[in-house]
Amino acid sequence: MALYIKDAEVDALADELKRLTKASTKAEAVRASLKRSVDEARAQLPIRQRLAKTLAMAKAAGPYAPGDHKAETDDMWGDQ
């Protein structure tokens, strides 16, 4: 999909970014910049929000079930 920019200022900024980063296309320069911005925005989120998916998975998995994990893995691999 082609990158079509109607705003002259945004187009000039994309051209400058392309030149400064030596990107092969404006789309590549904008993609890299957007990825950096998204990463920075995610890093600013509270830790609970960043870990929400992980915490939900841990809760769904239930409590830790103690057992003889060495024997269980040996059995899975056919070790005696």
PDB file of N, CA and C in Angstrom:
ATOM      1  N   MET A   1       0.843  -1.165   0.000  1.00  0.00           N
ATOM      2  CA  MET A   1       0.000   0.000   0.000  1.00  0.00           C
ATOM      3  C   MET A   1       0.894   1.237   0.000  1.00  0.00           C
ATOM      4  N   ALA A   2       0.583   2.153  -0.853  1.00  0.00           N
ATOM      5  CA  ALA A   2       1.374   3.371  -0.966  1.00  0.00           C
ATOM      6  C   ALA A   2       1.075   4.315   0.189  1.00  0.00           C
ATOM      7  N   LEU A   3       2.061   5.101   0.542  1.00  0.00           N
ATOM      8  CA  LEU A   3       1.887   6.111   1.574  1.00  0.00           C
ATOM      9  C   LEU A   3       1.484   7.397   0.874  1.00  0.00           C
ATOM     10  N   TYR A   4       0.274   7.876   1.161  1.00  0.00           N
ATOM     11  CA  TYR A   4      -0.220   9.096   0.537  1.00  0.00           C
ATOM     12  C   TYR A   4      -0.428  10.136   1.623  1.00  0.00           C
ATOM     13  N   ILE A   5       0.324  11.216   1.556  1.00  0.00           N
ATOM     14  CA  ILE A   5       0.251  12.270   2.562  1.00  0.00           C
ATOM     15  C   ILE A   5      -0.289  13.532   1.905  1.00  0.00           C
ATOM     16  N   LYS A   6      -1.419  14.021   2.410  1.00  0.00           N
ATOM     17  CA  LYS A   6      -2.041  15.228   1.863  1.00  0.00           C
ATOM     18  C   LYS A   6      -1.477  16.498   2.494  1.00  0.00           C
ATOM     19  N   ASP A   7      -1.118  16.432   3.760  1.00  0.00           N
ATOM     20  CA  ASP A   7      -0.650  17.600   4.498  1.00  0.00           C
ATOM     21  C   ASP A   7       0.787  17.933   4.094  1.00  0.00           C
ATOM     22  N   ALA A   8       1.009  19.174   3.647  1.00  0.00           N
ATOM     23  CA  ALA A   8       2.332  19.584   3.161  1.00  0.00           C
ATOM     24  C   ALA A   8       3.393  19.532   4.263  1.00  0.00           C
ATOM     25  N   GLU A   9       3.035  19.940   5.472  1.00  0.00           N
ATOM     26  CA  GLU A   9       4.004  19.921   6.572  1.00  0.00           C
ATOM     27  C   GLU A   9       4.398  18.484   6.930  1.00  0.00           C
ATOM     28  N   VAL A  10       3.415  17.589   6.971  1.00  0.00           N
ATOM     29  CA  VAL A  10       3.690  16.181   7.276  1.00  0.00           C
ATOM     30  C   VAL A  10       4.551  15.573   6.175  1.00  0.00           C
ATOM     31  N   ASP A  11       4.268  15.935   4.928  1.00  0.00           N
ATOM     32  CA  ASP A  11       5.056  15.429   3.802  1.00  0.00           C
ATOM     33  C   ASP A  11       6.504  15.908   3.911  1.00  0.00           C
ATOM     34  N   ALA A  12       6.690  17.179   4.268  1.00  0.00           N
ATOM     35  CA  ALA A  12       8.047  17.721   4.418  1.00  0.00           C
ATOM     36  C   ALA A  12       8.780  17.033   5.567  1.00  0.00           C
ATOM     37  N   LEU A  13       8.070  16.789   6.669  1.00  0.00           N
ATOM     38  CA  LEU A  13       8.687  16.086   7.799  1.00  0.00           C
ATOM     39  C   LEU A  13       9.068  14.658   7.411  1.00  0.00           C
ATOM     40  N   ALA A  14       8.213  13.994   6.653  1.00  0.00           N
ATOM     41  CA  ALA A  14       8.514  12.630   6.207  1.00  0.00           C
ATOM     42  C   ALA A  14       9.732  12.624   5.289  1.00  0.00           C
ATOM     43  N   ASP A  15       9.822  13.625   4.414  1.00  0.00           N
ATOM     44  CA  ASP A  15      10.996  13.735   3.535  1.00  0.00           C
ATOM     45  C   ASP A  15      12.268  13.957   4.353  1.00  0.00           C
ATOM     46  N   GLU A  16      12.187  14.842   5.347  1.00  0.00           N
ATOM     47  CA  GLU A  16      13.357  15.113   6.188  1.00  0.00           C
ATOM     48  C   GLU A  16      13.759  13.870   6.977  1.00  0.00           C
ATOM     49  N   LEU A  17      12.776  13.173   7.517  1.00  0.00           N
ATOM     50  CA  LEU A  17      13.055  11.941   8.260  1.00  0.00           C
ATOM     51  C   LEU A  17      13.710  10.902   7.353  1.00  0.00           C
ATOM     52  N   LYS A  18      13.198  10.773   6.138  1.00  0.00           N
ATOM     53  CA  LYS A  18      13.773   9.824   5.167  1.00  0.00           C
ATOM     54  C   LYS A  18      15.238  10.168   4.908  1.00  0.00           C
ATOM     55  N   ARG A  19      15.505  11.459   4.717  1.00  0.00           N
ATOM     56  CA  ARG A  19      16.870  11.897   4.428  1.00  0.00           C
ATOM     57  C   ARG A  19      17.785  11.683   5.639  1.00  0.00           C
ATOM     58  N   LEU A  20      17.323  12.067   6.817  1.00  0.00           N
ATOM     59  CA  LEU A  20      18.150  11.967   8.022  1.00  0.00           C
ATOM     60  C   LEU A  20      18.440  10.524   8.425  1.00  0.00           C
ATOM     61  N   THR A  21      17.468   9.641   8.206  1.00  0.00           N
ATOM     62  CA  THR A  21      17.647   8.242   8.604  1.00  0.00           C
ATOM     63  C   THR A  21      18.194   7.382   7.471  1.00  0.00           C
ATOM     64  N   LYS A  22      18.333   7.999   6.298  1.00  0.00           N
ATOM     65  CA  LYS A  22      18.806   7.279   5.105  1.00  0.00           C
ATOM     66  C   LYS A  22      17.902   6.088   4.776  1.00  0.00           C
ATOM     67  N   ALA A  23      16.613   6.268   5.038  1.00  0.00           N
ATOM     68  CA  ALA A  23      15.634   5.237   4.699  1.00  0.00           C
ATOM     69  C   ALA A  23      15.457   5.221   3.187  1.00  0.00           C
ATOM     70  N   SER A  24      15.113   4.065   2.648  1.00  0.00           N
ATOM     71  CA  SER A  24      14.967   3.966   1.197  1.00  0.00           C
ATOM     72  C   SER A  24      13.667   4.599   0.706  1.00  0.00           C
ATOM     73  N   THR A  25      12.654   4.644   1.566  1.00  0.00           N
ATOM     74  CA  THR A  25      11.374   5.253   1.192  1.00  0.00           C
ATOM     75  C   THR A  25      10.818   6.049   2.369  1.00  0.00           C
ATOM     76  N   LYS A  26       9.865   6.929   2.052  1.00  0.00           N
ATOM     77  CA  LYS A  26       9.182   7.662   3.124  1.00  0.00           C
ATOM     78  C   LYS A  26       8.426   6.688   4.008  1.00  0.00           C
ATOM     79  N   ALA A  27       7.805   5.701   3.391  1.00  0.00           N
ATOM     80  CA  ALA A  27       7.030   4.717   4.158  1.00  0.00           C
ATOM     81  C   ALA A  27       7.925   3.997   5.162  1.00  0.00           C
ATOM     82  N   GLU A  28       9.130   3.639   4.747  1.00  0.00           N
ATOM     83  CA  GLU A  28      10.064   2.957   5.654  1.00  0.00           C
ATOM     84  C   GLU A  28      10.449   3.871   6.821  1.00  0.00           C
ATOM     85  N   ALA A  29      10.707   5.132   6.525  1.00  0.00           N
ATOM     86  CA  ALA A  29      11.068   6.092   7.571  1.00  0.00           C
ATOM     87  C   ALA A  29       9.916   6.302   8.543  1.00  0.00           C
ATOM     88  N   VAL A  30       8.712   6.450   8.003  1.00  0.00           N
ATOM     89  CA  VAL A  30       7.532   6.655   8.849  1.00  0.00           C
ATOM     90  C   VAL A  30       7.256   5.404   9.677  1.00  0.00           C
ATOM     91  N   ARG A  31       7.385   4.217   9.078  1.00  0.00           N
ATOM     92  CA  ARG A  31       7.159   2.954   9.797  1.00  0.00           C
ATOM     93  C   ARG A  31       8.100   2.848  11.001  1.00  0.00           C
ATOM     94  N   ALA A  32       9.377   3.099  10.770  1.00  0.00           N
ATOM     95  CA  ALA A  32      10.361   3.004  11.854  1.00  0.00           C
ATOM     96  C   ALA A  32      10.062   4.025  12.950  1.00  0.00           C
ATOM     97  N   SER A  33       9.695   5.226  12.549  1.00  0.00           N
ATOM     98  CA  SER A  33       9.382   6.265  13.524  1.00  0.00           C
ATOM     99  C   SER A  33       8.134   5.915  14.325  1.00  0.00           C
ATOM    100  N   LEU A  34       7.119   5.397  13.657  1.00  0.00           N
ATOM    101  CA  LEU A  34       5.896   4.996  14.352  1.00  0.00           C
ATOM    102  C   LEU A  34       6.161   3.848  15.318  1.00  0.00           C
ATOM    103  N   LYS A  35       6.983   2.889  14.908  1.00  0.00           N
ATOM    104  CA  LYS A  35       7.316   1.774  15.803  1.00  0.00           C
ATOM    105  C   LYS A  35       8.010   2.283  17.064  1.00  0.00           C
ATOM    106  N   ARG A  36       8.958   3.212  16.883  1.00  0.00           N
ATOM    107  CA  ARG A  36       9.642   3.793  18.042  1.00  0.00           C
ATOM    108  C   ARG A  36       8.650   4.525  18.947  1.00  0.00           C
ATOM    109  N   SER A  37       7.753   5.268  18.347  1.00  0.00           N
ATOM    110  CA  SER A  37       6.760   6.014  19.134  1.00  0.00           C
ATOM    111  C   SER A  37       5.838   5.080  19.897  1.00  0.00           C
ATOM    112  N   VAL A  38       5.408   4.000  19.256  1.00  0.00           N
ATOM    113  CA  VAL A  38       4.545   3.022  19.925  1.00  0.00           C
ATOM    114  C   VAL A  38       5.298   2.373  21.083  1.00  0.00           C
ATOM    115  N   ASP A  39       6.554   1.992  20.859  1.00  0.00           N
ATOM    116  CA  ASP A  39       7.366   1.387  21.924  1.00  0.00           C
ATOM    117  C   ASP A  39       7.521   2.345  23.109  1.00  0.00           C
ATOM    118  N   GLU A  40       7.777   3.623  22.813  1.00  0.00           N
ATOM    119  CA  GLU A  40       7.924   4.618  23.880  1.00  0.00           C
ATOM    120  C   GLU A  40       6.612   4.798  24.642  1.00  0.00           C
ATOM    121  N   ALA A  41       5.496   4.831  23.917  1.00  0.00           N
ATOM    122  CA  ALA A  41       4.190   4.998  24.567  1.00  0.00           C
ATOM    123  C   ALA A  41       3.871   3.793  25.451  1.00  0.00           C
ATOM    124  N   ARG A  42       4.182   2.589  24.962  1.00  0.00           N
ATOM    125  CA  ARG A  42       3.955   1.383  25.768  1.00  0.00           C
ATOM    126  C   ARG A  42       4.807   1.395  27.030  1.00  0.00           C
ATOM    127  N   ALA A  43       6.038   1.870  26.897  1.00  0.00           N
ATOM    128  CA  ALA A  43       6.947   1.905  28.048  1.00  0.00           C
ATOM    129  C   ALA A  43       6.451   2.869  29.125  1.00  0.00           C
ATOM    130  N   GLN A  44       5.645   3.846  28.744  1.00  0.00           N
ATOM    131  CA  GLN A  44       5.119   4.819  29.700  1.00  0.00           C
ATOM    132  C   GLN A  44       3.888   4.306  30.446  1.00  0.00           C
ATOM    133  N   LEU A  45       3.301   3.192  29.973  1.00  0.00           N
ATOM    134  CA  LEU A  45       2.119   2.641  30.633  1.00  0.00           C
ATOM    135  C   LEU A  45       2.494   2.105  32.009  1.00  0.00           C
ATOM    136  N   PRO A  46       1.560   2.163  32.955  1.00  0.00           N
ATOM    137  CA  PRO A  46       1.833   1.587  34.279  1.00  0.00           C
ATOM    138  C   PRO A  46       2.145   0.094  34.155  1.00  0.00           C
ATOM    139  N   ILE A  47       2.978  -0.411  35.052  1.00  0.00           N
ATOM    140  CA  ILE A  47       3.425  -1.802  34.990  1.00  0.00           C
ATOM    141  C   ILE A  47       2.250  -2.767  35.006  1.00  0.00           C
ATOM    142  N   ARG A  48       1.223  -2.482  35.791  1.00  0.00           N
ATOM    143  CA  ARG A  48       0.048  -3.363  35.843  1.00  0.00           C
ATOM    144  C   ARG A  48      -0.624  -3.473  34.478  1.00  0.00           C
ATOM    145  N   GLN A  49      -0.694  -2.353  33.778  1.00  0.00           N
ATOM    146  CA  GLN A  49      -1.322  -2.361  32.456  1.00  0.00           C
ATOM    147  C   GLN A  49      -0.448  -3.116  31.452  1.00  0.00           C
ATOM    148  N   ARG A  50       0.880  -2.946  31.551  1.00  0.00           N
ATOM    149  CA  ARG A  50       1.775  -3.657  30.637  1.00  0.00           C
ATOM    150  C   ARG A  50       1.747  -5.159  30.876  1.00  0.00           C
ATOM    151  N   LEU A  51       1.527  -5.565  32.124  1.00  0.00           N
ATOM    152  CA  LEU A  51       1.538  -6.985  32.462  1.00  0.00           C
ATOM    153  C   LEU A  51       0.142  -7.598  32.525  1.00  0.00           C
ATOM    154  N   ALA A  52      -0.889  -6.857  32.153  1.00  0.00           N
ATOM    155  CA  ALA A  52      -2.268  -7.328  32.280  1.00  0.00           C
ATOM    156  C   ALA A  52      -2.488  -8.668  31.577  1.00  0.00           C
ATOM    157  N   LYS A  53      -1.990  -8.823  30.366  1.00  0.00           N
ATOM    158  CA  LYS A  53      -2.187 -10.076  29.628  1.00  0.00           C
ATOM    159  C   LYS A  53      -1.486 -11.235  30.343  1.00  0.00           C
ATOM    160  N   THR A  54      -0.271 -11.002  30.802  1.00  0.00           N
ATOM    161  CA  THR A  54       0.482 -12.035  31.510  1.00  0.00           C
ATOM    162  C   THR A  54      -0.214 -12.420  32.807  1.00  0.00           C
ATOM    163  N   LEU A  55      -0.687 -11.415  33.546  1.00  0.00           N
ATOM    164  CA  LEU A  55      -1.385 -11.688  34.800  1.00  0.00           C
ATOM    165  C   LEU A  55      -2.675 -12.468  34.556  1.00  0.00           C
ATOM    166  N   ALA A  56      -3.392 -12.143  33.479  1.00  0.00           N
ATOM    167  CA  ALA A  56      -4.623 -12.867  33.146  1.00  0.00           C
ATOM    168  C   ALA A  56      -4.314 -14.322  32.798  1.00  0.00           C
ATOM    169  N   MET A  57      -3.224 -14.557  32.071  1.00  0.00           N
ATOM    170  CA  MET A  57      -2.837 -15.930  31.723  1.00  0.00           C
ATOM    171  C   MET A  57      -2.466 -16.711  32.980  1.00  0.00           C
ATOM    172  N   ALA A  58      -1.748 -16.078  33.896  1.00  0.00           N
ATOM    173  CA  ALA A  58      -1.354 -16.748  35.139  1.00  0.00           C
ATOM    174  C   ALA A  58      -2.583 -17.085  35.973  1.00  0.00           C
ATOM    175  N   LYS A  59      -3.538 -16.167  36.019  1.00  0.00           N
ATOM    176  CA  LYS A  59      -4.755 -16.411  36.782  1.00  0.00           C
ATOM    177  C   LYS A  59      -5.548 -17.560  36.164  1.00  0.00           C
ATOM    178  N   ALA A  60      -5.636 -17.586  34.827  1.00  0.00           N
ATOM    179  CA  ALA A  60      -6.371 -18.648  34.134  1.00  0.00           C
ATOM    180  C   ALA A  60      -5.692 -20.005  34.317  1.00  0.00           C
ATOM    181  N   ALA A  61      -4.369 -20.018  34.444  1.00  0.00           N
ATOM    182  CA  ALA A  61      -3.634 -21.275  34.609  1.00  0.00           C
ATOM    183  C   ALA A  61      -3.877 -21.896  35.972  1.00  0.00           C
ATOM    184  N   GLY A  62      -4.264 -21.070  36.922  1.00  0.00           N
ATOM    185  CA  GLY A  62      -4.546 -21.594  38.255  1.00  0.00           C
ATOM    186  C   GLY A  62      -3.301 -21.657  39.110  1.00  0.00           C
ATOM    187  N   PRO A  63      -3.469 -22.140  40.326  1.00  0.00           N
ATOM    188  CA  PRO A  63      -2.345 -22.172  41.264  1.00  0.00           C
ATOM    189  C   PRO A  63      -1.281 -23.182  40.835  1.00  0.00           C
ATOM    190  N   TYR A  64      -0.082 -22.941  41.315  1.00  0.00           N
ATOM    191  CA  TYR A  64       1.046 -23.833  41.053  1.00  0.00           C
ATOM    192  C   TYR A  64       0.770 -25.184  41.699  1.00  0.00           C
ATOM    193  N   ALA A  65       0.953 -26.233  40.927  1.00  0.00           N
ATOM    194  CA  ALA A  65       0.722 -27.589  41.442  1.00  0.00           C
ATOM    195  C   ALA A  65       2.065 -28.246  41.735  1.00  0.00           C
ATOM    196  N   PRO A  66       2.428 -28.332  43.010  1.00  0.00           N
ATOM    197  CA  PRO A  66       3.703 -28.968  43.330  1.00  0.00           C
ATOM    198  C   PRO A  66       3.665 -30.453  42.991  1.00  0.00           C
ATOM    199  N   GLY A  67       4.800 -30.969  42.669  1.00  0.00           N
ATOM    200  CA  GLY A  67       4.903 -32.384  42.342  1.00  0.00           C
ATOM    201  C   GLY A  67       6.341 -32.719  42.030  1.00  0.00           C
ATOM    202  N   ASP A  68       6.553 -33.941  41.617  1.00  0.00           N
ATOM    203  CA  ASP A  68       7.898 -34.386  41.274  1.00  0.00           C
ATOM    204  C   ASP A  68       8.112 -34.124  39.788  1.00  0.00           C
ATOM    205  N   HIS A  69       8.494 -32.891  39.468  1.00  0.00           N
ATOM    206  CA  HIS A  69       8.622 -32.494  38.071  1.00  0.00           C
ATOM    207  C   HIS A  69       9.749 -33.239  37.362  1.00  0.00           C
ATOM    208  N   LYS A  70      10.773 -33.612  38.074  1.00  0.00           N
ATOM    209  CA  LYS A  70      11.872 -34.384  37.470  1.00  0.00           C
ATOM    210  C   LYS A  70      11.340 -35.718  36.984  1.00  0.00           C
ATOM    211  N   ALA A  71      10.575 -36.406  37.809  1.00  0.00           N
ATOM    212  CA  ALA A  71      10.012 -37.699  37.410  1.00  0.00           C
ATOM    213  C   ALA A  71       9.035 -37.532  36.251  1.00  0.00           C
ATOM    214  N   GLU A  72       8.238 -36.459  36.284  1.00  0.00           N
ATOM    215  CA  GLU A  72       7.273 -36.225  35.211  1.00  0.00           C
ATOM    216  C   GLU A  72       7.972 -35.978  33.879  1.00  0.00           C
ATOM    217  N   THR A  73       9.017 -35.159  33.878  1.00  0.00           N
ATOM    218  CA  THR A  73       9.720 -34.895  32.626  1.00  0.00           C
ATOM    219  C   THR A  73      10.505 -36.110  32.160  1.00  0.00           C
ATOM    220  N   ASP A  74      11.081 -36.862  33.088  1.00  0.00           N
ATOM    221  CA  ASP A  74      11.757 -38.106  32.709  1.00  0.00           C
ATOM    222  C   ASP A  74      10.772 -39.053  32.037  1.00  0.00           C
ATOM    223  N   ASP A  75       9.564 -39.142  32.583  1.00  0.00           N
ATOM    224  CA  ASP A  75       8.533 -40.009  32.025  1.00  0.00           C
ATOM    225  C   ASP A  75       8.136 -39.538  30.622  1.00  0.00           C
ATOM    226  N   MET A  76       8.009 -38.218  30.434  1.00  0.00           N
ATOM    227  CA  MET A  76       7.647 -37.678  29.118  1.00  0.00           C
ATOM    228  C   MET A  76       8.701 -38.019  28.075  1.00  0.00           C
ATOM    229  N   TRP A  77       9.973 -37.981  28.476  1.00  0.00           N
ATOM    230  CA  TRP A  77      11.066 -38.221  27.545  1.00  0.00           C
ATOM    231  C   TRP A  77      11.477 -39.692  27.483  1.00  0.00           C
ATOM    232  N   GLY A  78      10.824 -40.513  28.259  1.00  0.00           N
ATOM    233  CA  GLY A  78      11.144 -41.939  28.225  1.00  0.00           C
ATOM    234  C   GLY A  78      12.410 -42.294  28.974  1.00  0.00           C
ATOM    235  N   ASP A  79      12.891 -41.401  29.826  1.00  0.00           N
ATOM    236  CA  ASP A  79      14.080 -41.692  30.633  1.00  0.00           C
ATOM    237  C   ASP A  79      13.658 -42.488  31.863  1.00  0.00           C
ATOM    238  N   GLN A  80      14.546 -43.313  32.331  1.00  0.00           N
ATOM    239  CA  GLN A  80      14.227 -44.122  33.525  1.00  0.00           C
ATOM    240  C   GLN A  80      14.944 -43.609  34.705  1.00  0.00           C
TER     241      GLN A  80
END
